[in-house]
């Protein structure tokens, strides 16, 4: 079984795929990561309230912090980094 150096979680929006690939290449991770793509849901989480890129980034950052706390608690030696890419 191949061991990866990183797990990458990204939006399935095809406009992001080139940016994600270029970012990972810049970090010398090409071929060294396992990729998971999902549909974004910031608008759903925010409901019918006012929505813009600032609010969307805030939602993502808060979600990332929650995920990070869970991961670090379960895997204390795991290095967790988050990067928000925009179109």
N, C-alpha and C. Protein backbone atom coordinates (compact mmCIF):
# COMPACT_ATOMS: atom_id res chain seq x y z
N UNK A 1 0.85 -1.17 0.00
CA UNK A 1 0.00 0.00 0.00
C UNK A 1 0.90 1.25 0.00
N UNK A 2 0.62 2.17 -0.87
CA UNK A 2 1.40 3.41 -0.96
C UNK A 2 1.08 4.34 0.21
N UNK A 3 2.12 4.93 0.79
CA UNK A 3 1.93 5.89 1.87
C UNK A 3 2.04 7.29 1.28
N UNK A 4 1.10 8.14 1.64
CA UNK A 4 1.07 9.50 1.14
C UNK A 4 1.58 10.46 2.21
N UNK A 5 2.10 11.59 1.76
CA UNK A 5 2.59 12.62 2.68
C UNK A 5 1.47 13.56 3.10
N UNK A 6 0.40 13.59 2.31
CA UNK A 6 -0.67 14.55 2.60
C UNK A 6 -2.01 14.02 2.13
N UNK A 7 -3.06 14.54 2.76
CA UNK A 7 -4.42 14.33 2.31
C UNK A 7 -4.94 15.70 1.92
N UNK A 8 -5.51 15.80 0.75
CA UNK A 8 -5.99 17.08 0.24
C UNK A 8 -7.51 17.01 0.09
N UNK A 9 -8.17 17.93 0.75
CA UNK A 9 -9.62 18.05 0.66
C UNK A 9 -9.90 19.34 -0.10
N UNK A 10 -10.62 19.22 -1.21
CA UNK A 10 -10.89 20.41 -2.02
C UNK A 10 -12.31 20.40 -2.57
N UNK A 11 -12.72 21.56 -3.02
CA UNK A 11 -14.04 21.71 -3.64
C UNK A 11 -14.04 21.01 -4.99
N UNK A 12 -15.16 20.42 -5.34
CA UNK A 12 -15.24 19.71 -6.62
C UNK A 12 -15.42 20.64 -7.81
N UNK A 13 -15.62 21.92 -7.58
CA UNK A 13 -15.76 22.90 -8.65
C UNK A 13 -14.54 22.80 -9.57
N UNK A 14 -14.74 22.52 -10.85
CA UNK A 14 -13.62 22.33 -11.77
C UNK A 14 -12.71 23.57 -11.90
N UNK A 15 -13.22 24.74 -11.55
CA UNK A 15 -12.40 25.95 -11.63
C UNK A 15 -11.26 25.92 -10.62
N UNK A 16 -11.36 25.10 -9.59
CA UNK A 16 -10.32 25.02 -8.56
C UNK A 16 -9.23 24.00 -8.87
N UNK A 17 -9.51 23.04 -9.72
CA UNK A 17 -8.59 21.92 -9.87
C UNK A 17 -7.19 22.33 -10.33
N UNK A 18 -7.09 23.25 -11.27
CA UNK A 18 -5.78 23.70 -11.73
C UNK A 18 -5.05 24.44 -10.62
N UNK A 19 -5.76 25.28 -9.87
CA UNK A 19 -5.14 26.01 -8.76
C UNK A 19 -4.64 25.05 -7.69
N UNK A 20 -5.44 24.06 -7.35
CA UNK A 20 -5.04 23.08 -6.34
C UNK A 20 -3.79 22.33 -6.82
N UNK A 21 -3.81 21.90 -8.07
CA UNK A 21 -2.67 21.17 -8.62
C UNK A 21 -1.39 22.02 -8.61
N UNK A 22 -1.50 23.28 -9.02
CA UNK A 22 -0.34 24.18 -9.02
C UNK A 22 0.17 24.41 -7.60
N UNK A 23 -0.74 24.58 -6.65
CA UNK A 23 -0.34 24.79 -5.25
C UNK A 23 0.41 23.57 -4.73
N UNK A 24 -0.12 22.38 -4.98
CA UNK A 24 0.52 21.16 -4.50
C UNK A 24 1.88 20.94 -5.17
N UNK A 25 1.97 21.29 -6.45
CA UNK A 25 3.26 21.20 -7.16
C UNK A 25 4.27 22.14 -6.51
N UNK A 26 3.84 23.36 -6.15
CA UNK A 26 4.75 24.32 -5.52
C UNK A 26 5.25 23.82 -4.15
N UNK A 27 4.47 22.96 -3.52
CA UNK A 27 4.85 22.38 -2.23
C UNK A 27 5.58 21.04 -2.40
N UNK A 28 5.88 20.70 -3.67
CA UNK A 28 6.58 19.45 -4.01
C UNK A 28 5.81 18.21 -3.53
N UNK A 29 4.49 18.25 -3.70
CA UNK A 29 3.64 17.13 -3.28
C UNK A 29 3.04 16.36 -4.45
N UNK A 30 3.43 16.67 -5.67
CA UNK A 30 2.88 15.98 -6.83
C UNK A 30 3.09 14.47 -6.68
N UNK A 31 1.99 13.71 -6.77
CA UNK A 31 2.04 12.26 -6.64
C UNK A 31 2.25 11.75 -5.22
N UNK A 32 2.22 12.66 -4.24
CA UNK A 32 2.48 12.28 -2.85
C UNK A 32 1.30 12.55 -1.94
N UNK A 33 0.11 12.69 -2.52
CA UNK A 33 -1.05 12.99 -1.70
C UNK A 33 -2.27 12.20 -2.15
N UNK A 34 -3.19 12.05 -1.23
CA UNK A 34 -4.48 11.43 -1.50
C UNK A 34 -5.48 12.57 -1.59
N UNK A 35 -6.29 12.57 -2.64
CA UNK A 35 -7.18 13.69 -2.89
C UNK A 35 -8.64 13.32 -2.66
N UNK A 36 -9.35 14.22 -1.97
CA UNK A 36 -10.78 14.07 -1.73
C UNK A 36 -11.45 15.35 -2.20
N UNK A 37 -12.42 15.26 -3.06
CA UNK A 37 -13.13 16.44 -3.53
C UNK A 37 -14.60 16.34 -3.13
N UNK A 38 -15.12 17.46 -2.63
CA UNK A 38 -16.52 17.50 -2.20
C UNK A 38 -17.16 18.78 -2.71
N UNK A 39 -18.46 18.81 -2.69
CA UNK A 39 -19.19 20.02 -3.07
C UNK A 39 -19.17 21.00 -1.91
N UNK A 40 -18.93 22.25 -2.20
CA UNK A 40 -18.94 23.29 -1.16
C UNK A 40 -20.35 23.50 -0.63
N UNK A 41 -20.44 24.06 0.56
CA UNK A 41 -21.76 24.24 1.16
C UNK A 41 -21.86 25.50 2.01
N UNK A 42 -20.98 26.48 1.78
CA UNK A 42 -21.00 27.70 2.61
C UNK A 42 -22.34 28.43 2.52
N UNK A 43 -22.96 28.45 1.33
CA UNK A 43 -24.24 29.15 1.19
C UNK A 43 -25.35 28.44 1.94
N UNK A 44 -25.27 27.10 1.98
CA UNK A 44 -26.28 26.33 2.71
C UNK A 44 -26.15 26.58 4.21
N UNK A 45 -24.91 26.57 4.71
CA UNK A 45 -24.67 26.79 6.13
C UNK A 45 -25.13 28.18 6.55
N UNK A 46 -24.92 29.16 5.69
CA UNK A 46 -25.28 30.54 6.00
C UNK A 46 -26.78 30.80 5.88
N UNK A 47 -27.48 29.90 5.29
CA UNK A 47 -28.93 30.06 5.14
C UNK A 47 -29.28 31.21 4.21
N UNK A 48 -30.34 31.89 4.52
CA UNK A 48 -30.83 32.97 3.66
C UNK A 48 -30.30 34.33 4.10
N UNK A 49 -29.27 34.33 4.97
CA UNK A 49 -28.69 35.58 5.43
C UNK A 49 -27.83 36.20 4.32
N UNK A 50 -27.40 37.43 4.57
CA UNK A 50 -26.50 38.11 3.64
C UNK A 50 -25.29 37.23 3.36
N UNK A 51 -24.84 37.19 2.09
CA UNK A 51 -23.73 36.32 1.72
C UNK A 51 -22.79 37.04 0.76
N UNK A 52 -21.49 37.01 1.08
CA UNK A 52 -20.47 37.56 0.18
C UNK A 52 -19.17 36.79 0.44
N UNK A 53 -18.09 37.16 -0.25
CA UNK A 53 -16.83 36.41 -0.12
C UNK A 53 -16.24 36.49 1.29
N UNK A 54 -16.44 37.61 1.97
CA UNK A 54 -15.93 37.75 3.34
C UNK A 54 -16.63 36.77 4.27
N UNK A 55 -17.95 36.70 4.14
CA UNK A 55 -18.74 35.76 4.96
C UNK A 55 -18.38 34.32 4.60
N UNK A 56 -18.22 34.05 3.31
CA UNK A 56 -17.86 32.70 2.87
C UNK A 56 -16.51 32.28 3.46
N UNK A 57 -15.51 33.16 3.42
CA UNK A 57 -14.20 32.86 4.00
C UNK A 57 -14.30 32.61 5.51
N UNK A 58 -15.12 33.41 6.19
CA UNK A 58 -15.32 33.24 7.63
C UNK A 58 -15.92 31.86 7.93
N UNK A 59 -16.90 31.46 7.16
CA UNK A 59 -17.54 30.15 7.34
C UNK A 59 -16.50 29.04 7.15
N UNK A 60 -15.69 29.15 6.09
CA UNK A 60 -14.67 28.13 5.83
C UNK A 60 -13.63 28.09 6.96
N UNK A 61 -13.15 29.24 7.39
CA UNK A 61 -12.15 29.27 8.47
C UNK A 61 -12.68 28.67 9.76
N UNK A 62 -13.93 28.99 10.11
CA UNK A 62 -14.53 28.42 11.32
C UNK A 62 -14.67 26.90 11.20
N UNK A 63 -15.07 26.45 10.02
CA UNK A 63 -15.21 25.00 9.79
C UNK A 63 -13.86 24.31 9.88
N UNK A 64 -12.83 24.93 9.29
CA UNK A 64 -11.48 24.36 9.34
C UNK A 64 -10.98 24.24 10.78
N UNK A 65 -11.23 25.27 11.59
CA UNK A 65 -10.78 25.23 12.98
C UNK A 65 -11.46 24.11 13.75
N UNK A 66 -12.75 23.88 13.48
CA UNK A 66 -13.47 22.79 14.15
C UNK A 66 -12.88 21.44 13.73
N UNK A 67 -12.63 21.28 12.44
CA UNK A 67 -12.06 20.03 11.93
C UNK A 67 -10.67 19.82 12.52
N UNK A 68 -9.87 20.89 12.55
CA UNK A 68 -8.51 20.79 13.07
C UNK A 68 -8.50 20.31 14.52
N UNK A 69 -9.38 20.87 15.36
CA UNK A 69 -9.46 20.46 16.76
C UNK A 69 -9.78 18.97 16.89
N UNK A 70 -10.71 18.50 16.07
CA UNK A 70 -11.08 17.08 16.10
C UNK A 70 -9.91 16.21 15.68
N UNK A 71 -9.25 16.59 14.59
CA UNK A 71 -8.13 15.79 14.08
C UNK A 71 -6.96 15.75 15.06
N UNK A 72 -6.60 16.91 15.64
CA UNK A 72 -5.48 16.97 16.57
C UNK A 72 -5.79 16.17 17.84
N UNK A 73 -7.03 16.20 18.27
CA UNK A 73 -7.41 15.42 19.46
C UNK A 73 -7.25 13.92 19.19
N UNK A 74 -7.68 13.50 18.00
CA UNK A 74 -7.61 12.08 17.65
C UNK A 74 -6.20 11.65 17.22
N UNK A 75 -5.48 12.54 16.54
CA UNK A 75 -4.13 12.25 16.04
C UNK A 75 -3.18 13.36 16.46
N UNK A 76 -2.68 13.34 17.70
CA UNK A 76 -1.89 14.44 18.24
C UNK A 76 -0.62 14.76 17.45
N UNK A 77 -0.05 13.80 16.73
CA UNK A 77 1.18 14.04 15.98
C UNK A 77 0.92 14.49 14.54
N UNK A 78 -0.33 14.62 14.18
CA UNK A 78 -0.70 15.00 12.81
C UNK A 78 -0.47 16.49 12.58
N UNK A 79 0.15 16.83 11.48
CA UNK A 79 0.33 18.23 11.11
C UNK A 79 -0.85 18.61 10.22
N UNK A 80 -1.57 19.65 10.61
CA UNK A 80 -2.77 20.06 9.88
C UNK A 80 -2.59 21.49 9.36
N UNK A 81 -2.73 21.65 8.06
CA UNK A 81 -2.66 22.98 7.44
C UNK A 81 -3.88 23.19 6.56
N UNK A 82 -4.37 24.41 6.56
CA UNK A 82 -5.49 24.76 5.70
C UNK A 82 -5.11 25.93 4.83
N UNK A 83 -5.55 25.91 3.60
CA UNK A 83 -5.28 26.99 2.65
C UNK A 83 -6.59 27.26 1.90
N UNK A 84 -7.01 28.50 1.89
CA UNK A 84 -8.22 28.87 1.14
C UNK A 84 -7.76 29.47 -0.19
N UNK A 85 -8.19 28.83 -1.28
CA UNK A 85 -7.90 29.34 -2.62
C UNK A 85 -9.17 29.98 -3.15
N UNK A 86 -9.00 31.06 -3.87
CA UNK A 86 -10.18 31.71 -4.44
C UNK A 86 -10.08 31.75 -5.95
N UNK A 87 -11.21 31.89 -6.58
CA UNK A 87 -11.26 31.93 -8.05
C UNK A 87 -10.96 33.34 -8.51
